[in-house]
Amino acid sequence: MVLQSYRTTDPETSRQPFDREKLQTVALKAIAAYPGITAGELGDLTRVDGIWKRLPELERKGFLVRGTPRLYQGTGRYQASWTIAQRQLQLEV
């Protein structure tokens, strides 16, 4: 018996394999280029649905730091801003 991670009614994009590390890398590169970006802005910039889910994971790993909340124009709500952690910046030099 083969277990599938999608419903037969799901679109083809939902059937593709999920690559958490690839999404984390995309998020890190975008945040390095745009320090202080919010999750909503990150989604707008990368056009990757659900990329915001990777941010707390990267924060727990010590790669990101949650900053001061600011207004995200897309929803009119405040969202945390994100920057690369200082120790990560030292590794990239």
C-alpha atoms as a PDB file:
ATOM      1  CA  MET A   1       0.000   0.000   0.000  1.00  0.00           C
ATOM      2  CA  VAL A   2       1.414   3.372  -1.052  1.00  0.00           C
ATOM      3  CA  LEU A   3       0.566   6.429   1.023  1.00  0.00           C
ATOM      4  CA  GLN A   4       0.230   9.638  -0.930  1.00  0.00           C
ATOM      5  CA  SER A   5       0.537  13.102   0.571  1.00  0.00           C
ATOM      6  CA  TYR A   6      -2.180  14.649  -1.578  1.00  0.00           C
ATOM      7  CA  ARG A   7      -5.827  14.101  -2.439  1.00  0.00           C
ATOM      8  CA  THR A   8      -6.733  12.889  -5.914  1.00  0.00           C
ATOM      9  CA  THR A   9      -8.711  16.113  -6.373  1.00  0.00           C
ATOM     10  CA  ASP A  10      -5.688  18.339  -5.592  1.00  0.00           C
ATOM     11  CA  PRO A  11      -4.116  20.330  -8.436  1.00  0.00           C
ATOM     12  CA  GLU A  12      -0.863  19.104  -9.984  1.00  0.00           C
ATOM     13  CA  THR A  13       1.190  21.693  -8.052  1.00  0.00           C
ATOM     14  CA  SER A  14       0.092  20.092  -4.778  1.00  0.00           C
ATOM     15  CA  ARG A  15       1.365  16.734  -5.968  1.00  0.00           C
ATOM     16  CA  GLN A  16       4.927  17.943  -6.468  1.00  0.00           C
ATOM     17  CA  PRO A  17       7.495  17.064  -3.803  1.00  0.00           C
ATOM     18  CA  PHE A  18       8.007  19.578  -1.015  1.00  0.00           C
ATOM     19  CA  ASP A  19      11.571  20.818  -0.504  1.00  0.00           C
ATOM     20  CA  ARG A  20      11.821  22.621   2.841  1.00  0.00           C
ATOM     21  CA  GLU A  21      15.560  23.344   2.542  1.00  0.00           C
ATOM     22  CA  LYS A  22      15.161  24.899  -0.899  1.00  0.00           C
ATOM     23  CA  LEU A  23      12.443  27.226   0.397  1.00  0.00           C
ATOM     24  CA  GLN A  24      14.585  28.142   3.398  1.00  0.00           C
ATOM     25  CA  THR A  25      17.457  29.024   1.057  1.00  0.00           C
ATOM     26  CA  VAL A  26      15.176  31.193  -1.086  1.00  0.00           C
ATOM     27  CA  ALA A  27      13.944  32.981   2.043  1.00  0.00           C
ATOM     28  CA  LEU A  28      17.468  33.559   3.388  1.00  0.00           C
ATOM     29  CA  LYS A  29      18.725  34.969   0.083  1.00  0.00           C
ATOM     30  CA  ALA A  30      15.763  37.330  -0.229  1.00  0.00           C
ATOM     31  CA  ILE A  31      16.070  38.545   3.371  1.00  0.00           C
ATOM     32  CA  ALA A  32      19.824  39.075   2.920  1.00  0.00           C
ATOM     33  CA  ALA A  33      19.059  41.241  -0.117  1.00  0.00           C
ATOM     34  CA  TYR A  34      16.171  43.080   1.606  1.00  0.00           C
ATOM     35  CA  PRO A  35      16.846  43.301   5.361  1.00  0.00           C
ATOM     36  CA  GLY A  36      13.781  44.225   7.384  1.00  0.00           C
ATOM     37  CA  ILE A  37      11.353  42.646   4.930  1.00  0.00           C
ATOM     38  CA  THR A  38       8.052  41.309   6.270  1.00  0.00           C
ATOM     39  CA  ALA A  39       6.658  37.849   5.533  1.00  0.00           C
ATOM     40  CA  GLY A  40       4.019  39.332   3.239  1.00  0.00           C
ATOM     41  CA  GLU A  41       6.604  41.315   1.304  1.00  0.00           C
ATOM     42  CA  LEU A  42       8.752  38.195   1.075  1.00  0.00           C
ATOM     43  CA  GLY A  43       5.835  36.313  -0.457  1.00  0.00           C
ATOM     44  CA  ASP A  44       5.197  39.144  -2.916  1.00  0.00           C
ATOM     45  CA  LEU A  45       8.877  39.303  -3.852  1.00  0.00           C
ATOM     46  CA  THR A  46       9.484  35.579  -4.297  1.00  0.00           C
ATOM     47  CA  ARG A  47       5.983  34.622  -5.497  1.00  0.00           C
ATOM     48  CA  VAL A  48       6.282  31.441  -3.404  1.00  0.00           C
ATOM     49  CA  ASP A  49       3.101  30.483  -1.564  1.00  0.00           C
ATOM     50  CA  GLY A  50       3.660  29.636   2.081  1.00  0.00           C
ATOM     51  CA  ILE A  51       7.295  30.786   2.226  1.00  0.00           C
ATOM     52  CA  TRP A  52       6.376  32.608   5.433  1.00  0.00           C
ATOM     53  CA  LYS A  53       6.148  29.208   7.125  1.00  0.00           C
ATOM     54  CA  ARG A  54       9.911  28.787   6.811  1.00  0.00           C
ATOM     55  CA  LEU A  55      10.746  31.963   8.757  1.00  0.00           C
ATOM     56  CA  PRO A  56      10.133  30.637  12.308  1.00  0.00           C
ATOM     57  CA  GLU A  57      12.090  27.497  11.378  1.00  0.00           C
ATOM     58  CA  LEU A  58      15.053  29.642  10.335  1.00  0.00           C
ATOM     59  CA  GLU A  59      14.673  31.725  13.490  1.00  0.00           C
ATOM     60  CA  ARG A  60      14.854  28.572  15.657  1.00  0.00           C
ATOM     61  CA  LYS A  61      17.996  27.500  13.783  1.00  0.00           C
ATOM     62  CA  GLY A  62      19.572  30.884  14.561  1.00  0.00           C
ATOM     63  CA  PHE A  63      19.708  32.156  10.968  1.00  0.00           C
ATOM     64  CA  LEU A  64      17.073  34.905  11.281  1.00  0.00           C
ATOM     65  CA  VAL A  65      16.147  37.532  13.838  1.00  0.00           C
ATOM     66  CA  ARG A  66      12.587  38.768  14.236  1.00  0.00           C
ATOM     67  CA  GLY A  67      12.503  42.560  14.212  1.00  0.00           C
ATOM     68  CA  THR A  68      10.095  45.379  14.902  1.00  0.00           C
ATOM     69  CA  PRO A  69       6.620  44.871  13.450  1.00  0.00           C
ATOM     70  CA  ARG A  70       5.648  47.223  10.652  1.00  0.00           C
ATOM     71  CA  LEU A  71       2.661  47.763   8.436  1.00  0.00           C
ATOM     72  CA  TYR A  72       2.355  45.420   5.452  1.00  0.00           C
ATOM     73  CA  GLN A  73       0.421  47.266   2.745  1.00  0.00           C
ATOM     74  CA  GLY A  74      -0.988  44.053   1.256  1.00  0.00           C
ATOM     75  CA  THR A  75      -3.237  43.400   4.254  1.00  0.00           C
ATOM     76  CA  GLY A  76      -3.090  46.647   6.199  1.00  0.00           C
ATOM     77  CA  ARG A  77      -1.865  44.712   9.244  1.00  0.00           C
ATOM     78  CA  TYR A  78       1.368  44.775  11.155  1.00  0.00           C
ATOM     79  CA  GLN A  79       3.857  41.969  10.539  1.00  0.00           C
ATOM     80  CA  ALA A  80       7.255  41.227  12.046  1.00  0.00           C
ATOM     81  CA  SER A  81      10.225  42.335  10.018  1.00  0.00           C
ATOM     82  CA  TRP A  82      13.064  39.849   9.481  1.00  0.00           C
ATOM     83  CA  THR A  83      16.837  40.221   9.234  1.00  0.00           C
ATOM     84  CA  ILE A  84      19.751  37.833   8.948  1.00  0.00           C
ATOM     85  CA  ALA A  85      21.259  36.937  12.334  1.00  0.00           C
ATOM     86  CA  GLN A  86      24.618  38.516  13.098  1.00  0.00           C
ATOM     87  CA  ARG A  87      26.389  35.140  13.358  1.00  0.00           C
ATOM     88  CA  GLN A  88      25.074  34.217   9.891  1.00  0.00           C
ATOM     89  CA  LEU A  89      26.399  37.481   8.426  1.00  0.00           C
ATOM     90  CA  GLN A  90      29.855  36.653   9.769  1.00  0.00           C
ATOM     91  CA  LEU A  91      29.761  33.249   8.071  1.00  0.00           C
ATOM     92  CA  GLU A  92      28.963  34.780   4.678  1.00  0.00           C
ATOM     93  CA  VAL A  93      31.947  37.189   4.688  1.00  0.00           C
END
